[in-house]
Amino acid sequence: MIHLELFWSFFQIGLFSIGGGYAAMPLIQHQVVELHPWLTLEQFSDIITISQMTPGPIAINSATFVGLQLGGLPGALVATAGCVLPSCIIVLTLAYVYYRYRGLSMVQGVLAGLRPAVVAMIASAGVTLVNLSFFGADALPVNGSLGTDGIKPLLGVCEAEDKGIFVLVKTSNPSSGELQDQKMESGKTVYETMGEFCEHWGESVMGKYG
């Protein structure tokens, strides 16, 4: 029974942890600590630490360690398979769709729009690491497009390191207004909505300089 539960729990983690990495941590905690009391919060913290020290994605490493602790080697295999399977299904499906419809102008437009976004997210992570490593910044720069689930794990780091968070919500680049100034259903612009989220995220980790 434990093997089936492990498979289903980590299947859900693999299915819904869009963005991977730190975005998966709240889902893993919910499944193994809150929903199923398999681990204490302290044990969960230890497993996350070990997962960060070993090669591979954090969700897959966590699945292996939790499965091994609860069900031995079969449990580790089942939990890891459950975590990987959703990604395999989705990637294979997208690969088929892309191969079949790659010539459509709409598909090319979507890919063209995604490329700079991916570059921006990678650059954001790089700037964050450089900033913290060499300059000891008072705030941790984060990409607001990660959303609450993606930023929530970083808040724990900010609190532990006595840092604030910094999110750029509006730039002076003229073409950026194409997105930033768009009106949402609430009547507010995208950047105004992002500012409200930032205010909420920064309540517990406000830096020394505001």
C-alpha atoms as a PDB file:
ATOM      1  CA  MET A   1       0.000   0.000   0.000  1.00  0.00           C
ATOM      2  CA  ILE A   2       2.835   2.385   0.875  1.00  0.00           C
ATOM      3  CA  HIS A   3       4.329   1.909  -2.584  1.00  0.00           C
ATOM      4  CA  LEU A   4       1.091   2.916  -4.287  1.00  0.00           C
ATOM      5  CA  GLU A   5       0.794   5.981  -2.054  1.00  0.00           C
ATOM      6  CA  LEU A   6       4.396   6.937  -2.776  1.00  0.00           C
ATOM      7  CA  PHE A   7       3.831   6.616  -6.508  1.00  0.00           C
ATOM      8  CA  TRP A   8       0.645   8.696  -6.493  1.00  0.00           C
ATOM      9  CA  SER A   9       2.062  11.404  -4.207  1.00  0.00           C
ATOM     10  CA  PHE A  10       5.181  11.947  -6.283  1.00  0.00           C
ATOM     11  CA  PHE A  11       3.200  11.635  -9.527  1.00  0.00           C
ATOM     12  CA  GLN A  12       1.229  14.693  -8.372  1.00  0.00           C
ATOM     13  CA  ILE A  13       4.447  16.492  -7.445  1.00  0.00           C
ATOM     14  CA  GLY A  14       5.922  15.766 -10.866  1.00  0.00           C
ATOM     15  CA  LEU A  15       2.725  16.850 -12.593  1.00  0.00           C
ATOM     16  CA  PHE A  16       2.173  20.172 -10.833  1.00  0.00           C
ATOM     17  CA  SER A  17       5.687  21.406 -10.013  1.00  0.00           C
ATOM     18  CA  ILE A  18       5.797  23.636 -13.088  1.00  0.00           C
ATOM     19  CA  GLY A  19       9.115  25.438 -13.176  1.00  0.00           C
ATOM     20  CA  GLY A  20      10.879  22.659 -11.288  1.00  0.00           C
ATOM     21  CA  GLY A  21      13.601  23.313  -8.749  1.00  0.00           C
ATOM     22  CA  TYR A  22      12.453  25.401  -5.799  1.00  0.00           C
ATOM     23  CA  ALA A  23       8.914  25.521  -7.165  1.00  0.00           C
ATOM     24  CA  ALA A  24       8.553  21.857  -6.207  1.00  0.00           C
ATOM     25  CA  MET A  25       9.470  22.328  -2.540  1.00  0.00           C
ATOM     26  CA  PRO A  26       6.040  23.472  -1.259  1.00  0.00           C
ATOM     27  CA  LEU A  27       4.392  20.557  -3.083  1.00  0.00           C
ATOM     28  CA  ILE A  28       6.842  18.040  -1.631  1.00  0.00           C
ATOM     29  CA  GLN A  29       6.321  19.455   1.864  1.00  0.00           C
ATOM     30  CA  HIS A  30       2.546  19.281   1.471  1.00  0.00           C
ATOM     31  CA  GLN A  31       2.640  15.640   0.390  1.00  0.00           C
ATOM     32  CA  VAL A  32       5.234  14.145   2.759  1.00  0.00           C
ATOM     33  CA  VAL A  33       4.761  16.307   5.868  1.00  0.00           C
ATOM     34  CA  GLU A  34       1.222  17.681   5.901  1.00  0.00           C
ATOM     35  CA  LEU A  35      -0.980  15.344   3.847  1.00  0.00           C
ATOM     36  CA  HIS A  36       0.877  12.133   4.694  1.00  0.00           C
ATOM     37  CA  PRO A  37       2.761  12.395   8.012  1.00  0.00           C
ATOM     38  CA  TRP A  38       5.665  10.394   6.646  1.00  0.00           C
ATOM     39  CA  LEU A  39       8.287  12.893   7.777  1.00  0.00           C
ATOM     40  CA  THR A  40       8.626  15.585  10.400  1.00  0.00           C
ATOM     41  CA  LEU A  41       9.455  19.106   9.270  1.00  0.00           C
ATOM     42  CA  GLU A  42      13.011  18.614  10.550  1.00  0.00           C
ATOM     43  CA  GLN A  43      13.420  15.382   8.562  1.00  0.00           C
ATOM     44  CA  PHE A  44      11.994  17.120   5.489  1.00  0.00           C
ATOM     45  CA  SER A  45      14.555  19.906   5.894  1.00  0.00           C
ATOM     46  CA  ASP A  46      17.351  17.333   6.121  1.00  0.00           C
ATOM     47  CA  ILE A  47      16.193  15.579   2.945  1.00  0.00           C
ATOM     48  CA  ILE A  48      15.997  18.872   1.040  1.00  0.00           C
ATOM     49  CA  THR A  49      19.548  19.651   2.181  1.00  0.00           C
ATOM     50  CA  ILE A  50      20.796  16.250   0.994  1.00  0.00           C
ATOM     51  CA  SER A  51      18.918  16.663  -2.285  1.00  0.00           C
ATOM     52  CA  GLN A  52      20.701  19.958  -2.885  1.00  0.00           C
ATOM     53  CA  MET A  53      24.101  18.355  -2.247  1.00  0.00           C
ATOM     54  CA  THR A  54      23.622  15.518  -4.753  1.00  0.00           C
ATOM     55  CA  PRO A  55      23.441  15.698  -8.575  1.00  0.00           C
ATOM     56  CA  GLY A  56      20.022  15.866 -10.208  1.00  0.00           C
ATOM     57  CA  PRO A  57      16.737  17.786  -9.833  1.00  0.00           C
ATOM     58  CA  ILE A  58      15.555  18.380  -6.280  1.00  0.00           C
ATOM     59  CA  ALA A  59      12.146  16.726  -6.813  1.00  0.00           C
ATOM     60  CA  ILE A  60      13.644  13.500  -8.167  1.00  0.00           C
ATOM     61  CA  ASN A  61      16.314  13.354  -5.463  1.00  0.00           C
ATOM     62  CA  SER A  62      13.673  13.942  -2.786  1.00  0.00           C
ATOM     63  CA  ALA A  63      11.480  11.208  -4.250  1.00  0.00           C
ATOM     64  CA  THR A  64      14.390   8.762  -4.136  1.00  0.00           C
ATOM     65  CA  PHE A  65      15.335   9.605  -0.549  1.00  0.00           C
ATOM     66  CA  VAL A  66      11.758   9.592   0.783  1.00  0.00           C
ATOM     67  CA  GLY A  67      10.939   6.353  -1.042  1.00  0.00           C
ATOM     68  CA  LEU A  68      14.105   4.702   0.270  1.00  0.00           C
ATOM     69  CA  GLN A  69      13.318   5.725   3.836  1.00  0.00           C
ATOM     70  CA  LEU A  70       9.701   4.541   3.710  1.00  0.00           C
ATOM     71  CA  GLY A  71       9.783   1.532   1.405  1.00  0.00           C
ATOM     72  CA  GLY A  72      13.400   0.547   0.898  1.00  0.00           C
ATOM     73  CA  LEU A  73      14.807   0.141  -2.604  1.00  0.00           C
ATOM     74  CA  PRO A  74      11.395  -0.708  -4.169  1.00  0.00           C
ATOM     75  CA  GLY A  75       9.947   2.412  -2.552  1.00  0.00           C
ATOM     76  CA  ALA A  76      12.763   4.551  -3.968  1.00  0.00           C
ATOM     77  CA  LEU A  77      12.196   3.157  -7.474  1.00  0.00           C
ATOM     78  CA  VAL A  78       8.419   3.602  -7.303  1.00  0.00           C
ATOM     79  CA  ALA A  79       8.576   7.165  -5.939  1.00  0.00           C
ATOM     80  CA  THR A  80      11.201   8.208  -8.494  1.00  0.00           C
ATOM     81  CA  ALA A  81       9.200   6.664 -11.347  1.00  0.00           C
ATOM     82  CA  GLY A  82       6.073   8.484 -10.174  1.00  0.00           C
ATOM     83  CA  CYS A  83       7.944  11.801 -10.137  1.00  0.00           C
ATOM     84  CA  VAL A  84       9.456  11.343 -13.606  1.00  0.00           C
ATOM     85  CA  LEU A  85       6.451   9.864 -15.425  1.00  0.00           C
ATOM     86  CA  PRO A  86       4.359  13.071 -15.801  1.00  0.00           C
ATOM     87  CA  SER A  87       7.292  14.925 -17.353  1.00  0.00           C
ATOM     88  CA  CYS A  88       7.923  12.062 -19.777  1.00  0.00           C
ATOM     89  CA  ILE A  89       4.277  12.019 -20.877  1.00  0.00           C
ATOM     90  CA  ILE A  90       4.079  15.809 -21.277  1.00  0.00           C
ATOM     91  CA  VAL A  91       7.402  16.120 -23.119  1.00  0.00           C
ATOM     92  CA  LEU A  92       6.568  13.276 -25.504  1.00  0.00           C
ATOM     93  CA  THR A  93       3.158  14.814 -26.195  1.00  0.00           C
ATOM     94  CA  LEU A  94       4.632  18.268 -26.819  1.00  0.00           C
ATOM     95  CA  ALA A  95       7.354  16.761 -29.022  1.00  0.00           C
ATOM     96  CA  TYR A  96       4.703  15.047 -31.142  1.00  0.00           C
ATOM     97  CA  VAL A  97       2.626  18.225 -31.394  1.00  0.00           C
ATOM     98  CA  TYR A  98       5.694  20.275 -32.295  1.00  0.00           C
ATOM     99  CA  TYR A  99       6.851  17.779 -34.921  1.00  0.00           C
ATOM    100  CA  ARG A 100       3.395  17.722 -36.499  1.00  0.00           C
ATOM    101  CA  TYR A 101       2.614  21.447 -36.382  1.00  0.00           C
ATOM    102  CA  ARG A 102       6.048  23.083 -36.258  1.00  0.00           C
ATOM    103  CA  GLY A 103       5.450  24.768 -39.610  1.00  0.00           C
ATOM    104  CA  LEU A 104       2.446  26.792 -38.387  1.00  0.00           C
ATOM    105  CA  SER A 105       3.101  30.502 -37.914  1.00  0.00           C
ATOM    106  CA  MET A 106       1.279  30.454 -34.552  1.00  0.00           C
ATOM    107  CA  VAL A 107       3.668  27.838 -33.162  1.00  0.00           C
ATOM    108  CA  GLN A 108       6.675  29.815 -34.390  1.00  0.00           C
ATOM    109  CA  GLY A 109       5.242  32.934 -32.763  1.00  0.00           C
ATOM    110  CA  VAL A 110       4.822  31.196 -29.406  1.00  0.00           C
ATOM    111  CA  LEU A 111       8.395  29.876 -29.516  1.00  0.00           C
ATOM    112  CA  ALA A 112       9.736  33.289 -30.498  1.00  0.00           C
ATOM    113  CA  GLY A 113       7.979  34.812 -27.494  1.00  0.00           C
ATOM    114  CA  LEU A 114       9.260  32.164 -25.096  1.00  0.00           C
ATOM    115  CA  ARG A 115      12.945  32.445 -26.041  1.00  0.00           C
ATOM    116  CA  PRO A 116      13.590  35.888 -24.491  1.00  0.00           C
ATOM    117  CA  ALA A 117      11.553  34.926 -21.417  1.00  0.00           C
ATOM    118  CA  VAL A 118      13.779  31.885 -20.827  1.00  0.00           C
ATOM    119  CA  VAL A 119      16.908  33.984 -21.292  1.00  0.00           C
ATOM    120  CA  ALA A 120      15.560  36.545 -18.802  1.00  0.00           C
ATOM    121  CA  MET A 121      14.863  33.873 -16.175  1.00  0.00           C
ATOM    122  CA  ILE A 122      18.357  32.393 -16.548  1.00  0.00           C
ATOM    123  CA  ALA A 123      19.904  35.855 -16.401  1.00  0.00           C
ATOM    124  CA  SER A 124      17.853  36.684 -13.307  1.00  0.00           C
ATOM    125  CA  ALA A 125      19.211  33.610 -11.517  1.00  0.00           C
ATOM    126  CA  GLY A 126      22.752  34.504 -12.557  1.00  0.00           C
ATOM    127  CA  VAL A 127      22.435  38.092 -11.341  1.00  0.00           C
ATOM    128  CA  THR A 128      21.047  36.846  -8.042  1.00  0.00           C
ATOM    129  CA  LEU A 129      24.008  34.534  -7.424  1.00  0.00           C
ATOM    130  CA  VAL A 130      26.592  37.147  -8.410  1.00  0.00           C
ATOM    131  CA  ASN A 131      24.900  39.809  -6.309  1.00  0.00           C
ATOM    132  CA  LEU A 132      24.814  37.677  -3.180  1.00  0.00           C
ATOM    133  CA  SER A 133      28.265  36.151  -3.667  1.00  0.00           C
ATOM    134  CA  PHE A 134      30.275  39.279  -4.379  1.00  0.00           C
ATOM    135  CA  PHE A 135      28.345  42.250  -3.103  1.00  0.00           C
ATOM    136  CA  GLY A 136      26.459  40.976  -0.052  1.00  0.00           C
ATOM    137  CA  ALA A 137      23.298  42.744  -1.177  1.00  0.00           C
ATOM    138  CA  ASP A 138      20.587  43.688   1.281  1.00  0.00           C
ATOM    139  CA  ALA A 139      17.905  42.228  -0.988  1.00  0.00           C
ATOM    140  CA  LEU A 140      17.562  39.099  -3.094  1.00  0.00           C
ATOM    141  CA  PRO A 141      16.552  39.894  -6.708  1.00  0.00           C
ATOM    142  CA  VAL A 142      13.825  37.532  -7.895  1.00  0.00           C
ATOM    143  CA  ASN A 143      11.795  37.117 -11.070  1.00  0.00           C
ATOM    144  CA  GLY A 144       8.195  38.108 -10.359  1.00  0.00           C
ATOM    145  CA  SER A 145       6.888  35.789 -13.079  1.00  0.00           C
ATOM    146  CA  LEU A 146       7.735  32.833 -10.828  1.00  0.00           C
ATOM    147  CA  GLY A 147       4.582  33.610  -8.848  1.00  0.00           C
ATOM    148  CA  THR A 148       3.875  32.925  -5.195  1.00  0.00           C
ATOM    149  CA  ASP A 149       4.689  29.194  -5.304  1.00  0.00           C
ATOM    150  CA  GLY A 150       8.032  29.890  -6.955  1.00  0.00           C
ATOM    151  CA  ILE A 151       9.021  32.762  -4.674  1.00  0.00           C
ATOM    152  CA  LYS A 152       7.733  31.305  -1.379  1.00  0.00           C
ATOM    153  CA  PRO A 153      10.732  28.942  -0.881  1.00  0.00           C
ATOM    154  CA  LEU A 154      13.111  31.887  -1.407  1.00  0.00           C
ATOM    155  CA  LEU A 155      11.469  33.805   1.431  1.00  0.00           C
ATOM    156  CA  GLY A 156      12.849  31.264   3.914  1.00  0.00           C
ATOM    157  CA  VAL A 157      16.336  31.950   2.564  1.00  0.00           C
ATOM    158  CA  CYS A 158      15.763  35.702   2.890  1.00  0.00           C
ATOM    159  CA  GLU A 159      14.620  35.365   6.491  1.00  0.00           C
ATOM    160  CA  ALA A 160      17.574  33.151   7.415  1.00  0.00           C
ATOM    161  CA  GLU A 161      20.077  35.513   5.751  1.00  0.00           C
ATOM    162  CA  ASP A 162      18.379  38.735   6.903  1.00  0.00           C
ATOM    163  CA  LYS A 163      17.701  39.793   3.314  1.00  0.00           C
ATOM    164  CA  GLY A 164      14.807  41.517   1.598  1.00  0.00           C
ATOM    165  CA  ILE A 165      13.448  40.687  -1.841  1.00  0.00           C
ATOM    166  CA  PHE A 166      13.746  42.892  -4.921  1.00  0.00           C
ATOM    167  CA  VAL A 167      11.416  42.492  -7.896  1.00  0.00           C
ATOM    168  CA  LEU A 168      11.589  44.779 -10.928  1.00  0.00           C
ATOM    169  CA  VAL A 169       7.951  45.425 -11.833  1.00  0.00           C
ATOM    170  CA  LYS A 170       8.337  48.155 -14.495  1.00  0.00           C
ATOM    171  CA  THR A 171      11.252  49.020 -16.759  1.00  0.00           C
ATOM    172  CA  SER A 172      12.013  52.082 -18.866  1.00  0.00           C
ATOM    173  CA  ASN A 173      12.448  50.060 -22.049  1.00  0.00           C
ATOM    174  CA  PRO A 174       9.822  51.496 -24.470  1.00  0.00           C
ATOM    175  CA  SER A 175       8.809  48.124 -25.880  1.00  0.00           C
ATOM    176  CA  SER A 176       8.292  46.657 -22.391  1.00  0.00           C
ATOM    177  CA  GLY A 177       5.123  48.703 -22.126  1.00  0.00           C
ATOM    178  CA  GLU A 178       3.498  46.271 -24.548  1.00  0.00           C
ATOM    179  CA  LEU A 179       3.194  43.888 -21.594  1.00  0.00           C
ATOM    180  CA  GLN A 180       3.597  46.057 -18.485  1.00  0.00           C
ATOM    181  CA  ASP A 181       0.823  48.499 -19.386  1.00  0.00           C
ATOM    182  CA  GLN A 182      -1.773  45.895 -20.372  1.00  0.00           C
ATOM    183  CA  LYS A 183      -5.030  46.166 -18.429  1.00  0.00           C
ATOM    184  CA  MET A 184      -6.206  43.134 -16.472  1.00  0.00           C
ATOM    185  CA  GLU A 185      -9.774  42.154 -15.553  1.00  0.00           C
ATOM    186  CA  SER A 186      -9.408  44.059 -12.273  1.00  0.00           C
ATOM    187  CA  GLY A 187      -8.824  47.274 -14.247  1.00  0.00           C
ATOM    188  CA  LYS A 188      -5.239  47.529 -13.043  1.00  0.00           C
ATOM    189  CA  THR A 189      -2.183  47.220 -15.235  1.00  0.00           C
ATOM    190  CA  VAL A 190       0.166  44.234 -15.141  1.00  0.00           C
ATOM    191  CA  TYR A 191       2.887  46.200 -13.353  1.00  0.00           C
ATOM    192  CA  GLU A 192       0.466  47.571 -10.758  1.00  0.00           C
ATOM    193  CA  THR A 193      -0.744  44.042  -9.996  1.00  0.00           C
ATOM    194  CA  MET A 194       2.838  42.822  -9.761  1.00  0.00           C
ATOM    195  CA  GLY A 195       3.586  45.660  -7.329  1.00  0.00           C
ATOM    196  CA  GLU A 196       0.766  44.535  -5.043  1.00  0.00           C
ATOM    197  CA  PHE A 197       2.119  40.980  -5.040  1.00  0.00           C
ATOM    198  CA  CYS A 198       5.601  42.300  -4.224  1.00  0.00           C
ATOM    199  CA  GLU A 199       4.255  44.256  -1.287  1.00  0.00           C
ATOM    200  CA  HIS A 200       2.670  41.071   0.058  1.00  0.00           C
ATOM    201  CA  TRP A 201       5.771  38.936  -0.543  1.00  0.00           C
ATOM    202  CA  GLY A 202       8.069  41.437   1.159  1.00  0.00           C
ATOM    203  CA  GLU A 203       6.070  41.881   4.379  1.00  0.00           C
ATOM    204  CA  SER A 204       8.101  39.313   6.346  1.00  0.00           C
ATOM    205  CA  VAL A 205      11.502  39.949   4.752  1.00  0.00           C
ATOM    206  CA  MET A 206      11.709  43.696   4.371  1.00  0.00           C
ATOM    207  CA  GLY A 207      15.365  44.704   3.996  1.00  0.00           C
ATOM    208  CA  LYS A 208      17.229  47.228   6.116  1.00  0.00           C
ATOM    209  CA  TYR A 209      16.683  49.932   3.506  1.00  0.00           C
ATOM    210  CA  GLY A 210      12.957  49.444   2.956  1.00  0.00           C
END
